[in-house]
């Protein structure tokens, strides 16, 4: 199992438990490109052109609803795990 598969599995099993750094790594490994940051919000673009704004939670974790938005746009990701 690759690191990408492990992170994707972690995100699928517990979107609210993923660290912000792991979420950024997962985005990069999935082909998303970091565009810019305005204040605390980072703007990422998918290979398909979809846009995702992410923000680190107070506890250093990714916000669960943002991870879920990524998973919805990622598509058939659960087939890879």
C-alpha atoms as a PDB file:
ATOM      1  CA  UNK A   1       0.000   0.000   0.000  1.00  0.00           C
ATOM      2  CA  UNK A   2       1.483   3.350  -1.061  1.00  0.00           C
ATOM      3  CA  UNK A   3       1.633   6.459   1.117  1.00  0.00           C
ATOM      4  CA  UNK A   4      -1.012   8.040  -1.119  1.00  0.00           C
ATOM      5  CA  UNK A   5      -3.352   5.082  -0.611  1.00  0.00           C
ATOM      6  CA  UNK A   6      -2.804   5.216   3.157  1.00  0.00           C
ATOM      7  CA  UNK A   7      -3.589   8.937   3.329  1.00  0.00           C
ATOM      8  CA  UNK A   8      -6.630   8.509   1.109  1.00  0.00           C
ATOM      9  CA  UNK A   9      -7.864   5.676   3.307  1.00  0.00           C
ATOM     10  CA  UNK A  10      -7.321   7.798   6.404  1.00  0.00           C
ATOM     11  CA  UNK A  11      -9.341  10.636   4.841  1.00  0.00           C
ATOM     12  CA  UNK A  12     -12.157   8.291   3.821  1.00  0.00           C
ATOM     13  CA  UNK A  13     -12.348   6.648   7.252  1.00  0.00           C
ATOM     14  CA  UNK A  14     -12.194   9.831   9.336  1.00  0.00           C
ATOM     15  CA  UNK A  15     -12.301  13.146   7.415  1.00  0.00           C
ATOM     16  CA  UNK A  16     -12.325  15.145  10.659  1.00  0.00           C
ATOM     17  CA  UNK A  17      -9.234  13.385  12.012  1.00  0.00           C
ATOM     18  CA  UNK A  18      -6.849  14.268   9.173  1.00  0.00           C
ATOM     19  CA  UNK A  19      -4.055  16.707  10.020  1.00  0.00           C
ATOM     20  CA  UNK A  20      -3.834  19.834   7.872  1.00  0.00           C
ATOM     21  CA  UNK A  21      -0.331  18.876   6.696  1.00  0.00           C
ATOM     22  CA  UNK A  22      -1.583  15.423   5.663  1.00  0.00           C
ATOM     23  CA  UNK A  23      -4.472  17.051   3.788  1.00  0.00           C
ATOM     24  CA  UNK A  24      -2.060  19.280   1.863  1.00  0.00           C
ATOM     25  CA  UNK A  25       0.085  16.239   1.046  1.00  0.00           C
ATOM     26  CA  UNK A  26      -2.985  14.325  -0.132  1.00  0.00           C
ATOM     27  CA  UNK A  27      -4.005  17.214  -2.387  1.00  0.00           C
ATOM     28  CA  UNK A  28      -0.511  17.368  -3.946  1.00  0.00           C
ATOM     29  CA  UNK A  29      -0.344  13.586  -4.424  1.00  0.00           C
ATOM     30  CA  UNK A  30      -3.760  13.669  -6.101  1.00  0.00           C
ATOM     31  CA  UNK A  31      -2.550  16.162  -8.706  1.00  0.00           C
ATOM     32  CA  UNK A  32      -4.061  19.315  -7.179  1.00  0.00           C
ATOM     33  CA  UNK A  33      -2.101  22.556  -7.554  1.00  0.00           C
ATOM     34  CA  UNK A  34      -1.700  25.189  -4.878  1.00  0.00           C
ATOM     35  CA  UNK A  35      -2.589  28.537  -6.460  1.00  0.00           C
ATOM     36  CA  UNK A  36      -2.376  31.182  -3.732  1.00  0.00           C
ATOM     37  CA  UNK A  37      -3.170  32.056  -0.154  1.00  0.00           C
ATOM     38  CA  UNK A  38      -5.324  34.961   1.000  1.00  0.00           C
ATOM     39  CA  UNK A  39      -5.207  35.371   4.766  1.00  0.00           C
ATOM     40  CA  UNK A  40      -5.700  31.924   6.253  1.00  0.00           C
ATOM     41  CA  UNK A  41      -7.390  30.442   3.163  1.00  0.00           C
ATOM     42  CA  UNK A  42      -5.416  28.445   0.628  1.00  0.00           C
ATOM     43  CA  UNK A  43      -6.793  28.067  -2.892  1.00  0.00           C
ATOM     44  CA  UNK A  44      -6.152  24.758  -4.672  1.00  0.00           C
ATOM     45  CA  UNK A  45      -7.146  23.628  -8.172  1.00  0.00           C
ATOM     46  CA  UNK A  46      -7.825  20.085  -9.318  1.00  0.00           C
ATOM     47  CA  UNK A  47      -6.505  18.746 -12.631  1.00  0.00           C
ATOM     48  CA  UNK A  48     -10.116  19.103 -13.848  1.00  0.00           C
ATOM     49  CA  UNK A  49     -10.118  22.810 -12.932  1.00  0.00           C
ATOM     50  CA  UNK A  50     -12.309  22.448  -9.825  1.00  0.00           C
ATOM     51  CA  UNK A  51     -11.457  24.980  -7.111  1.00  0.00           C
ATOM     52  CA  UNK A  52     -11.162  24.217  -3.395  1.00  0.00           C
ATOM     53  CA  UNK A  53     -10.569  26.716  -0.607  1.00  0.00           C
ATOM     54  CA  UNK A  54      -9.050  25.156   2.515  1.00  0.00           C
ATOM     55  CA  UNK A  55      -8.292  26.534   5.958  1.00  0.00           C
ATOM     56  CA  UNK A  56      -6.486  24.986   8.911  1.00  0.00           C
ATOM     57  CA  UNK A  57      -8.641  24.333  11.977  1.00  0.00           C
ATOM     58  CA  UNK A  58      -7.663  25.644  15.398  1.00  0.00           C
ATOM     59  CA  UNK A  59      -6.426  22.214  16.469  1.00  0.00           C
ATOM     60  CA  UNK A  60      -4.034  21.841  13.506  1.00  0.00           C
ATOM     61  CA  UNK A  61      -6.415  19.494  11.738  1.00  0.00           C
ATOM     62  CA  UNK A  62      -8.071  19.848   8.381  1.00  0.00           C
ATOM     63  CA  UNK A  63     -11.706  20.871   8.488  1.00  0.00           C
ATOM     64  CA  UNK A  64     -13.833  17.782   7.932  1.00  0.00           C
ATOM     65  CA  UNK A  65     -16.243  19.372   5.479  1.00  0.00           C
ATOM     66  CA  UNK A  66     -13.320  20.525   3.311  1.00  0.00           C
ATOM     67  CA  UNK A  67     -11.858  17.003   3.254  1.00  0.00           C
ATOM     68  CA  UNK A  68     -15.313  15.704   2.291  1.00  0.00           C
ATOM     69  CA  UNK A  69     -15.517  18.286  -0.528  1.00  0.00           C
ATOM     70  CA  UNK A  70     -12.156  17.049  -1.806  1.00  0.00           C
ATOM     71  CA  UNK A  71     -13.290  13.419  -1.632  1.00  0.00           C
ATOM     72  CA  UNK A  72     -16.467  14.232  -3.610  1.00  0.00           C
ATOM     73  CA  UNK A  73     -14.450  15.983  -6.311  1.00  0.00           C
ATOM     74  CA  UNK A  74     -11.787  13.265  -6.281  1.00  0.00           C
ATOM     75  CA  UNK A  75     -14.433  10.866  -7.518  1.00  0.00           C
ATOM     76  CA  UNK A  76     -14.013   7.106  -7.390  1.00  0.00           C
ATOM     77  CA  UNK A  77     -11.247   7.354  -4.821  1.00  0.00           C
ATOM     78  CA  UNK A  78     -12.730   4.660  -2.609  1.00  0.00           C
ATOM     79  CA  UNK A  79     -12.075   2.102  -5.364  1.00  0.00           C
ATOM     80  CA  UNK A  80      -8.313   2.664  -5.024  1.00  0.00           C
ATOM     81  CA  UNK A  81      -8.153   1.881  -1.305  1.00  0.00           C
END
